[in-house]
Amino acid sequence: MNAYRNAIVLGAASLIFLLGGCTMMRGGPNLVAFTTQLRGANEVPPVATHATGQVDAVLNKDTNLFRWKLSYSGLSGPATAGHFHGPAAIGQIAGISLPFKGVMSPMDGQATLTAAQAADLLAGKWYANIHTAAHPGGEIRGQMTPRY
């Protein structure tokens, strides 16, 4: 009887561990991942440049904690500024929503967003922008796209 009870307890514990592990791998329903490719062609107006970049990010919808990793290469000169802008659809211009603390590559950062900022980000209305002296309006840009 003890062996049977132990087998049931072990089986239940294994099932809980397995299901818990699956949830961790998916990241849970409160996390939304974002990505974008930074290109001169995405600027408004488009910029002729060999520069490229990438931003990968995650928003925790429960806490509005937004974390990102950014990298770029090939700029016309040193980056002078970088920001997330919004709200704006693709092809539109918006003010700065969240400045980067420094503009080195690679870099990462995090910030707690307001409810309005989080809503705009989730709606795909934020873009990342890297500025240079040659292109003060931005040399490379990419729209932050949710990956569901």
N, C-alpha and C. Protein backbone atom coordinates (compact mmCIF):
# COMPACT_ATOMS: atom_id res chain seq x y z
N MET A 1 0.82 -1.19 0.00
CA MET A 1 0.00 0.00 0.00
C MET A 1 0.86 1.26 0.00
N ASN A 2 1.95 1.27 0.79
CA ASN A 2 2.85 2.42 0.80
C ASN A 2 3.49 2.64 -0.57
N ALA A 3 3.87 1.57 -1.25
CA ALA A 3 4.49 1.69 -2.58
C ALA A 3 3.49 2.31 -3.55
N TYR A 4 2.22 1.92 -3.47
CA TYR A 4 1.19 2.47 -4.35
C TYR A 4 1.00 3.96 -4.06
N ARG A 5 0.92 4.34 -2.78
CA ARG A 5 0.76 5.75 -2.40
C ARG A 5 1.97 6.56 -2.84
N ASN A 6 3.17 6.04 -2.67
CA ASN A 6 4.38 6.74 -3.10
C ASN A 6 4.40 6.94 -4.61
N ALA A 7 3.93 5.95 -5.36
CA ALA A 7 3.89 6.06 -6.81
C ALA A 7 2.93 7.17 -7.24
N ILE A 8 1.79 7.28 -6.56
CA ILE A 8 0.82 8.33 -6.87
C ILE A 8 1.39 9.70 -6.55
N VAL A 9 2.02 9.83 -5.39
CA VAL A 9 2.62 11.11 -5.00
C VAL A 9 3.73 11.49 -5.99
N LEU A 10 4.57 10.54 -6.35
CA LEU A 10 5.65 10.80 -7.30
C LEU A 10 5.09 11.18 -8.67
N GLY A 11 4.05 10.50 -9.11
CA GLY A 11 3.42 10.82 -10.40
C GLY A 11 2.81 12.22 -10.39
N ALA A 12 2.12 12.58 -9.30
CA ALA A 12 1.52 13.90 -9.20
C ALA A 12 2.60 14.98 -9.18
N ALA A 13 3.67 14.75 -8.44
CA ALA A 13 4.76 15.72 -8.38
C ALA A 13 5.41 15.88 -9.75
N SER A 14 5.59 14.79 -10.47
CA SER A 14 6.17 14.86 -11.81
C SER A 14 5.29 15.66 -12.76
N LEU A 15 3.98 15.45 -12.67
CA LEU A 15 3.04 16.18 -13.52
C LEU A 15 3.07 17.68 -13.22
N ILE A 16 3.11 18.03 -11.94
CA ILE A 16 3.18 19.45 -11.55
C ILE A 16 4.47 20.07 -12.07
N PHE A 17 5.59 19.36 -11.92
CA PHE A 17 6.87 19.85 -12.40
C PHE A 17 6.85 20.04 -13.91
N LEU A 18 6.30 19.07 -14.63
CA LEU A 18 6.24 19.12 -16.08
C LEU A 18 5.39 20.30 -16.55
N LEU A 19 4.21 20.46 -15.97
CA LEU A 19 3.33 21.56 -16.36
C LEU A 19 3.92 22.91 -15.99
N GLY A 20 4.54 22.99 -14.85
CA GLY A 20 5.19 24.24 -14.43
C GLY A 20 6.32 24.60 -15.37
N GLY A 21 7.09 23.64 -15.80
CA GLY A 21 8.19 23.88 -16.73
C GLY A 21 7.70 24.37 -18.07
N CYS A 22 6.59 23.83 -18.55
CA CYS A 22 6.04 24.28 -19.83
C CYS A 22 5.63 25.74 -19.76
N THR A 23 5.03 26.16 -18.66
CA THR A 23 4.62 27.55 -18.51
C THR A 23 5.83 28.46 -18.50
N MET A 24 6.90 28.06 -17.86
CA MET A 24 8.10 28.88 -17.80
C MET A 24 8.70 29.05 -19.20
N MET A 25 8.67 28.01 -20.02
CA MET A 25 9.26 28.09 -21.35
C MET A 25 8.48 29.04 -22.25
N ARG A 26 7.17 29.11 -22.10
CA ARG A 26 6.36 30.01 -22.91
C ARG A 26 6.48 31.45 -22.43
N GLY A 27 6.93 31.67 -21.20
CA GLY A 27 7.06 33.02 -20.68
C GLY A 27 5.82 33.50 -19.97
N GLY A 28 4.75 32.78 -20.04
CA GLY A 28 3.53 33.16 -19.34
C GLY A 28 2.72 34.16 -20.15
N PRO A 29 1.44 34.24 -19.85
CA PRO A 29 0.55 35.11 -20.62
C PRO A 29 0.76 36.59 -20.34
N ASN A 30 1.52 36.94 -19.29
CA ASN A 30 1.72 38.35 -18.97
C ASN A 30 2.89 38.98 -19.71
N LEU A 31 3.67 38.20 -20.46
CA LEU A 31 4.83 38.72 -21.18
C LEU A 31 4.55 38.80 -22.68
N VAL A 32 4.91 39.94 -23.28
CA VAL A 32 4.78 40.12 -24.72
C VAL A 32 6.15 40.47 -25.26
N ALA A 33 6.61 39.74 -26.25
CA ALA A 33 7.90 39.98 -26.88
C ALA A 33 7.72 40.90 -28.09
N PHE A 34 8.74 41.73 -28.34
CA PHE A 34 8.75 42.66 -29.47
C PHE A 34 10.08 42.53 -30.19
N THR A 35 10.07 42.86 -31.46
CA THR A 35 11.30 42.88 -32.23
C THR A 35 11.18 43.89 -33.36
N THR A 36 12.32 44.36 -33.83
CA THR A 36 12.35 45.21 -35.01
C THR A 36 13.74 45.20 -35.62
N GLN A 37 13.78 45.44 -36.92
CA GLN A 37 15.03 45.64 -37.65
C GLN A 37 15.16 47.14 -37.89
N LEU A 38 16.29 47.71 -37.51
CA LEU A 38 16.55 49.13 -37.71
C LEU A 38 17.20 49.33 -39.08
N ARG A 39 16.57 50.16 -39.91
CA ARG A 39 17.04 50.40 -41.27
C ARG A 39 16.86 51.88 -41.61
N GLY A 40 17.71 52.39 -42.50
CA GLY A 40 17.56 53.76 -42.98
C GLY A 40 16.30 53.93 -43.80
N ALA A 41 15.90 52.88 -44.50
CA ALA A 41 14.69 52.93 -45.33
C ALA A 41 13.43 53.14 -44.48
N ASN A 42 13.50 52.84 -43.19
CA ASN A 42 12.34 53.01 -42.30
C ASN A 42 12.21 54.44 -41.79
N GLU A 43 13.24 55.26 -41.99
CA GLU A 43 13.19 56.65 -41.53
C GLU A 43 12.16 57.43 -42.36
N VAL A 44 11.71 58.55 -41.80
CA VAL A 44 10.76 59.42 -42.49
C VAL A 44 11.39 60.81 -42.58
N PRO A 45 11.86 61.24 -43.76
CA PRO A 45 11.97 60.49 -45.01
C PRO A 45 13.10 59.45 -44.94
N PRO A 46 13.10 58.50 -45.88
CA PRO A 46 14.12 57.44 -45.87
C PRO A 46 15.54 58.02 -45.96
N VAL A 47 16.48 57.32 -45.33
CA VAL A 47 17.89 57.72 -45.30
C VAL A 47 18.70 56.66 -46.04
N ALA A 48 19.59 57.10 -46.93
CA ALA A 48 20.50 56.19 -47.61
C ALA A 48 21.68 55.93 -46.68
N THR A 49 21.78 54.72 -46.15
CA THR A 49 22.84 54.35 -45.22
C THR A 49 23.08 52.85 -45.31
N HIS A 50 24.29 52.46 -44.93
CA HIS A 50 24.62 51.04 -44.84
C HIS A 50 24.36 50.50 -43.43
N ALA A 51 23.96 51.38 -42.53
CA ALA A 51 23.74 51.00 -41.14
C ALA A 51 22.54 50.06 -40.99
N THR A 52 22.64 49.16 -40.05
CA THR A 52 21.55 48.25 -39.70
C THR A 52 21.54 48.09 -38.19
N GLY A 53 20.45 47.58 -37.69
CA GLY A 53 20.36 47.33 -36.25
C GLY A 53 19.21 46.41 -35.93
N GLN A 54 19.11 46.07 -34.67
CA GLN A 54 18.08 45.14 -34.19
C GLN A 54 17.71 45.53 -32.76
N VAL A 55 16.43 45.45 -32.44
CA VAL A 55 15.95 45.61 -31.07
C VAL A 55 15.06 44.43 -30.76
N ASP A 56 15.33 43.77 -29.63
CA ASP A 56 14.47 42.73 -29.09
C ASP A 56 14.07 43.17 -27.69
N ALA A 57 12.79 43.02 -27.37
CA ALA A 57 12.29 43.55 -26.11
C ALA A 57 11.17 42.67 -25.55
N VAL A 58 10.87 42.88 -24.27
CA VAL A 58 9.79 42.17 -23.60
C VAL A 58 9.08 43.15 -22.68
N LEU A 59 7.75 43.12 -22.71
CA LEU A 59 6.92 43.91 -21.80
C LEU A 59 6.17 42.96 -20.88
N ASN A 60 6.29 43.20 -19.58
CA ASN A 60 5.48 42.47 -18.60
C ASN A 60 4.18 43.27 -18.43
N LYS A 61 3.07 42.72 -18.90
CA LYS A 61 1.79 43.43 -18.87
C LYS A 61 1.26 43.63 -17.45
N ASP A 62 1.72 42.83 -16.50
CA ASP A 62 1.26 42.98 -15.12
C ASP A 62 1.94 44.15 -14.42
N THR A 63 3.22 44.37 -14.72
CA THR A 63 3.99 45.40 -14.03
C THR A 63 4.36 46.58 -14.93
N ASN A 64 4.15 46.44 -16.25
CA ASN A 64 4.56 47.42 -17.26
C ASN A 64 6.08 47.60 -17.32
N LEU A 65 6.83 46.61 -16.82
CA LEU A 65 8.28 46.64 -16.94
C LEU A 65 8.65 46.27 -18.37
N PHE A 66 9.36 47.16 -19.03
CA PHE A 66 9.77 47.00 -20.43
C PHE A 66 11.29 46.85 -20.43
N ARG A 67 11.78 45.75 -21.00
CA ARG A 67 13.22 45.48 -21.08
C ARG A 67 13.60 45.30 -22.54
N TRP A 68 14.78 45.81 -22.94
CA TRP A 68 15.19 45.70 -24.33
C TRP A 68 16.69 45.47 -24.45
N LYS A 69 17.05 44.89 -25.61
CA LYS A 69 18.43 44.73 -26.04
C LYS A 69 18.50 45.29 -27.45
N LEU A 70 19.54 46.11 -27.70
CA LEU A 70 19.66 46.80 -28.97
C LEU A 70 21.10 46.67 -29.47
N SER A 71 21.24 46.51 -30.76
CA SER A 71 22.57 46.54 -31.37
C SER A 71 22.46 47.17 -32.75
N TYR A 72 23.55 47.77 -33.20
CA TYR A 72 23.59 48.37 -34.53
C TYR A 72 25.03 48.40 -35.01
N SER A 73 25.20 48.61 -36.32
CA SER A 73 26.54 48.74 -36.90
C SER A 73 26.43 49.53 -38.19
N GLY A 74 27.56 50.07 -38.63
CA GLY A 74 27.63 50.72 -39.93
C GLY A 74 27.12 52.14 -39.99
N LEU A 75 26.93 52.81 -38.84
CA LEU A 75 26.44 54.18 -38.86
C LEU A 75 27.44 55.10 -39.56
N SER A 76 26.97 56.24 -40.04
CA SER A 76 27.81 57.21 -40.72
C SER A 76 28.82 57.87 -39.77
N GLY A 77 28.59 57.75 -38.50
CA GLY A 77 29.45 58.31 -37.46
C GLY A 77 28.93 57.84 -36.12
N PRO A 78 29.51 58.34 -35.03
CA PRO A 78 29.03 57.93 -33.71
C PRO A 78 27.55 58.27 -33.50
N ALA A 79 26.86 57.41 -32.81
CA ALA A 79 25.46 57.70 -32.45
C ALA A 79 25.44 58.87 -31.48
N THR A 80 24.55 59.82 -31.72
CA THR A 80 24.44 60.99 -30.86
C THR A 80 23.26 60.89 -29.90
N ALA A 81 22.28 60.06 -30.24
CA ALA A 81 21.09 59.89 -29.39
C ALA A 81 20.34 58.66 -29.87
N GLY A 82 19.48 58.17 -29.01
CA GLY A 82 18.61 57.05 -29.36
C GLY A 82 17.41 57.06 -28.45
N HIS A 83 16.27 56.68 -29.00
CA HIS A 83 15.02 56.74 -28.24
C HIS A 83 14.00 55.75 -28.80
N PHE A 84 12.99 55.51 -27.96
CA PHE A 84 11.73 54.96 -28.44
C PHE A 84 10.81 56.15 -28.64
N HIS A 85 10.13 56.21 -29.77
CA HIS A 85 9.18 57.28 -30.07
C HIS A 85 7.77 56.70 -30.16
N GLY A 86 6.78 57.52 -29.92
CA GLY A 86 5.41 57.10 -30.09
C GLY A 86 4.44 58.12 -29.52
N PRO A 87 3.16 57.96 -29.75
CA PRO A 87 2.57 56.94 -30.61
C PRO A 87 2.61 57.36 -32.08
N ALA A 88 2.94 56.38 -32.92
CA ALA A 88 2.99 56.63 -34.35
C ALA A 88 2.88 55.31 -35.10
N ALA A 89 2.10 55.33 -36.16
CA ALA A 89 2.03 54.19 -37.06
C ALA A 89 3.27 54.19 -37.95
N ILE A 90 3.49 53.12 -38.67
CA ILE A 90 4.61 53.04 -39.61
C ILE A 90 4.49 54.22 -40.59
N GLY A 91 5.61 54.93 -40.80
CA GLY A 91 5.62 56.05 -41.73
C GLY A 91 5.24 57.38 -41.12
N GLN A 92 4.88 57.38 -39.84
CA GLN A 92 4.55 58.62 -39.15
C GLN A 92 5.67 58.98 -38.17
N ILE A 93 5.70 60.25 -37.77
CA ILE A 93 6.70 60.74 -36.83
C ILE A 93 6.01 61.06 -35.51
N ALA A 94 6.70 60.78 -34.39
CA ALA A 94 6.15 61.07 -33.07
C ALA A 94 7.27 61.59 -32.17
N GLY A 95 6.88 62.14 -31.05
CA GLY A 95 7.84 62.62 -30.06
C GLY A 95 8.50 61.46 -29.33
N ILE A 96 9.46 61.80 -28.50
CA ILE A 96 10.19 60.80 -27.71
C ILE A 96 9.29 60.30 -26.59
N SER A 97 9.16 58.97 -26.51
CA SER A 97 8.42 58.34 -25.41
C SER A 97 9.37 57.86 -24.32
N LEU A 98 10.55 57.39 -24.73
CA LEU A 98 11.50 56.83 -23.77
C LEU A 98 12.91 56.93 -24.34
N PRO A 99 13.75 57.81 -23.76
CA PRO A 99 15.13 57.92 -24.25
C PRO A 99 15.98 56.75 -23.75
N PHE A 100 16.98 56.38 -24.56
CA PHE A 100 17.95 55.38 -24.13
C PHE A 100 18.94 56.08 -23.20
N LYS A 101 19.45 55.35 -22.24
CA LYS A 101 20.52 55.87 -21.37
C LYS A 101 21.84 55.48 -22.01
N GLY A 102 22.33 56.34 -22.90
CA GLY A 102 23.51 56.03 -23.69
C GLY A 102 23.07 55.42 -25.01
N VAL A 103 24.00 55.39 -25.97
CA VAL A 103 23.66 54.84 -27.28
C VAL A 103 24.80 53.97 -27.81
N MET A 104 25.41 53.19 -26.96
CA MET A 104 26.46 52.29 -27.41
C MET A 104 25.84 51.02 -27.97
N SER A 105 26.62 50.29 -28.72
CA SER A 105 26.14 49.03 -29.27
C SER A 105 27.14 47.93 -28.93
N PRO A 106 26.66 46.83 -28.39
CA PRO A 106 25.27 46.55 -27.98
C PRO A 106 24.95 47.23 -26.65
N MET A 107 23.68 47.33 -26.38
CA MET A 107 23.22 47.91 -25.12
C MET A 107 21.90 47.26 -24.72
N ASP A 108 21.59 47.38 -23.44
CA ASP A 108 20.29 46.94 -22.96
C ASP A 108 19.78 47.96 -21.97
N GLY A 109 18.50 47.90 -21.72
CA GLY A 109 17.89 48.84 -20.79
C GLY A 109 16.55 48.34 -20.33
N GLN A 110 16.00 49.07 -19.39
CA GLN A 110 14.66 48.75 -18.88
C GLN A 110 14.04 49.99 -18.29
N ALA A 111 12.71 50.01 -18.29
CA ALA A 111 11.96 51.11 -17.70
C ALA A 111 10.55 50.62 -17.40
N THR A 112 9.95 51.21 -16.40
CA THR A 112 8.55 50.93 -16.11
C THR A 112 7.71 51.97 -16.86
N LEU A 113 6.86 51.48 -17.75
CA LEU A 113 6.04 52.35 -18.59
C LEU A 113 4.77 52.77 -17.88
N THR A 114 4.23 53.90 -18.31
CA THR A 114 2.89 54.28 -17.85
C THR A 114 1.88 53.39 -18.55
N ALA A 115 0.66 53.40 -18.09
CA ALA A 115 -0.39 52.59 -18.73
C ALA A 115 -0.59 53.03 -20.18
N ALA A 116 -0.54 54.34 -20.44
CA ALA A 116 -0.72 54.84 -21.81
C ALA A 116 0.44 54.41 -22.71
N GLN A 117 1.67 54.48 -22.20
CA GLN A 117 2.83 54.04 -22.98
C GLN A 117 2.72 52.55 -23.30
N ALA A 118 2.37 51.74 -22.32
CA ALA A 118 2.24 50.30 -22.54
C ALA A 118 1.16 50.01 -23.58
N ALA A 119 0.05 50.72 -23.52
CA ALA A 119 -1.03 50.52 -24.51
C ALA A 119 -0.56 50.87 -25.91
N ASP A 120 0.18 51.98 -26.06
CA ASP A 120 0.70 52.36 -27.38
C ASP A 120 1.70 51.32 -27.89
N LEU A 121 2.59 50.86 -27.02
CA LEU A 121 3.56 49.84 -27.41
C LEU A 121 2.86 48.57 -27.86
N LEU A 122 1.88 48.11 -27.08
CA LEU A 122 1.14 46.90 -27.43
C LEU A 122 0.37 47.05 -28.74
N ALA A 123 -0.02 48.28 -29.06
CA ALA A 123 -0.75 48.54 -30.31
C ALA A 123 0.19 48.69 -31.50
N GLY A 124 1.51 48.52 -31.28
CA GLY A 124 2.48 48.64 -32.37
C GLY A 124 2.77 50.08 -32.77
N LYS A 125 2.57 51.02 -31.84
CA LYS A 125 2.72 52.44 -32.16
C LYS A 125 4.00 53.06 -31.59
N TRP A 126 5.01 52.23 -31.32
CA TRP A 126 6.31 52.75 -30.91
C TRP A 126 7.33 52.37 -31.96
N TYR A 127 8.34 53.22 -32.13
CA TYR A 127 9.47 52.86 -32.98
C TYR A 127 10.77 53.24 -32.26
N ALA A 128 11.82 52.52 -32.59
CA ALA A 128 13.16 52.80 -32.07
C ALA A 128 13.91 53.58 -33.12
N ASN A 129 14.75 54.53 -32.69
CA ASN A 129 15.43 55.42 -33.60
C ASN A 129 16.83 55.71 -33.07
N ILE A 130 17.84 55.63 -33.96
CA ILE A 130 19.21 55.98 -33.62
C ILE A 130 19.61 57.18 -34.48
N HIS A 131 20.13 58.23 -33.84
CA HIS A 131 20.49 59.48 -34.49
C HIS A 131 22.02 59.61 -34.58
N THR A 132 22.48 60.32 -35.62
CA THR A 132 23.89 60.64 -35.80
C THR A 132 23.99 62.12 -36.19
N ALA A 133 25.22 62.66 -36.17
CA ALA A 133 25.41 64.06 -36.57
C ALA A 133 25.01 64.26 -38.03
N ALA A 134 25.33 63.30 -38.88
CA ALA A 134 24.97 63.41 -40.31
C ALA A 134 23.47 63.30 -40.53
N HIS A 135 22.78 62.61 -39.60
CA HIS A 135 21.33 62.40 -39.73
C HIS A 135 20.67 62.71 -38.38
N PRO A 136 20.55 64.01 -38.05
CA PRO A 136 20.03 64.39 -36.73
C PRO A 136 18.57 63.97 -36.50
N GLY A 137 17.81 63.75 -37.56
CA GLY A 137 16.44 63.28 -37.42
C GLY A 137 16.35 61.78 -37.24
N GLY A 138 17.47 61.09 -37.41
CA GLY A 138 17.54 59.65 -37.27
C GLY A 138 18.17 59.00 -38.48
N GLU A 139 19.11 58.09 -38.25
CA GLU A 139 19.75 57.38 -39.36
C GLU A 139 19.12 56.01 -39.59
N ILE A 140 18.73 55.35 -38.51
CA ILE A 140 18.05 54.05 -38.64
C ILE A 140 16.87 54.02 -37.69
N ARG A 141 15.83 53.32 -38.14
CA ARG A 141 14.57 53.29 -37.39
C ARG A 141 13.91 51.94 -37.61
N GLY A 142 13.11 51.52 -36.62
CA GLY A 142 12.32 50.30 -36.75
C GLY A 142 11.10 50.34 -35.85
N GLN A 143 9.97 49.91 -36.38
CA GLN A 143 8.70 49.86 -35.62
C GLN A 143 8.74 48.66 -34.70
N MET A 144 8.39 48.86 -33.43
CA MET A 144 8.37 47.77 -32.45
C MET A 144 7.11 46.92 -32.70
N THR A 145 7.33 45.69 -33.11
CA THR A 145 6.24 44.80 -33.50
C THR A 145 6.05 43.71 -32.47
N PRO A 146 4.84 43.58 -31.90
CA PRO A 146 4.59 42.47 -30.96
C PRO A 146 4.71 41.12 -31.67
N ARG A 147 5.30 40.15 -30.99
CA ARG A 147 5.40 38.78 -31.50
C ARG A 147 4.48 37.91 -30.65
N TYR A 148 3.31 37.64 -31.15
CA TYR A 148 2.34 36.82 -30.39
C TYR A 148 2.45 35.38 -30.79
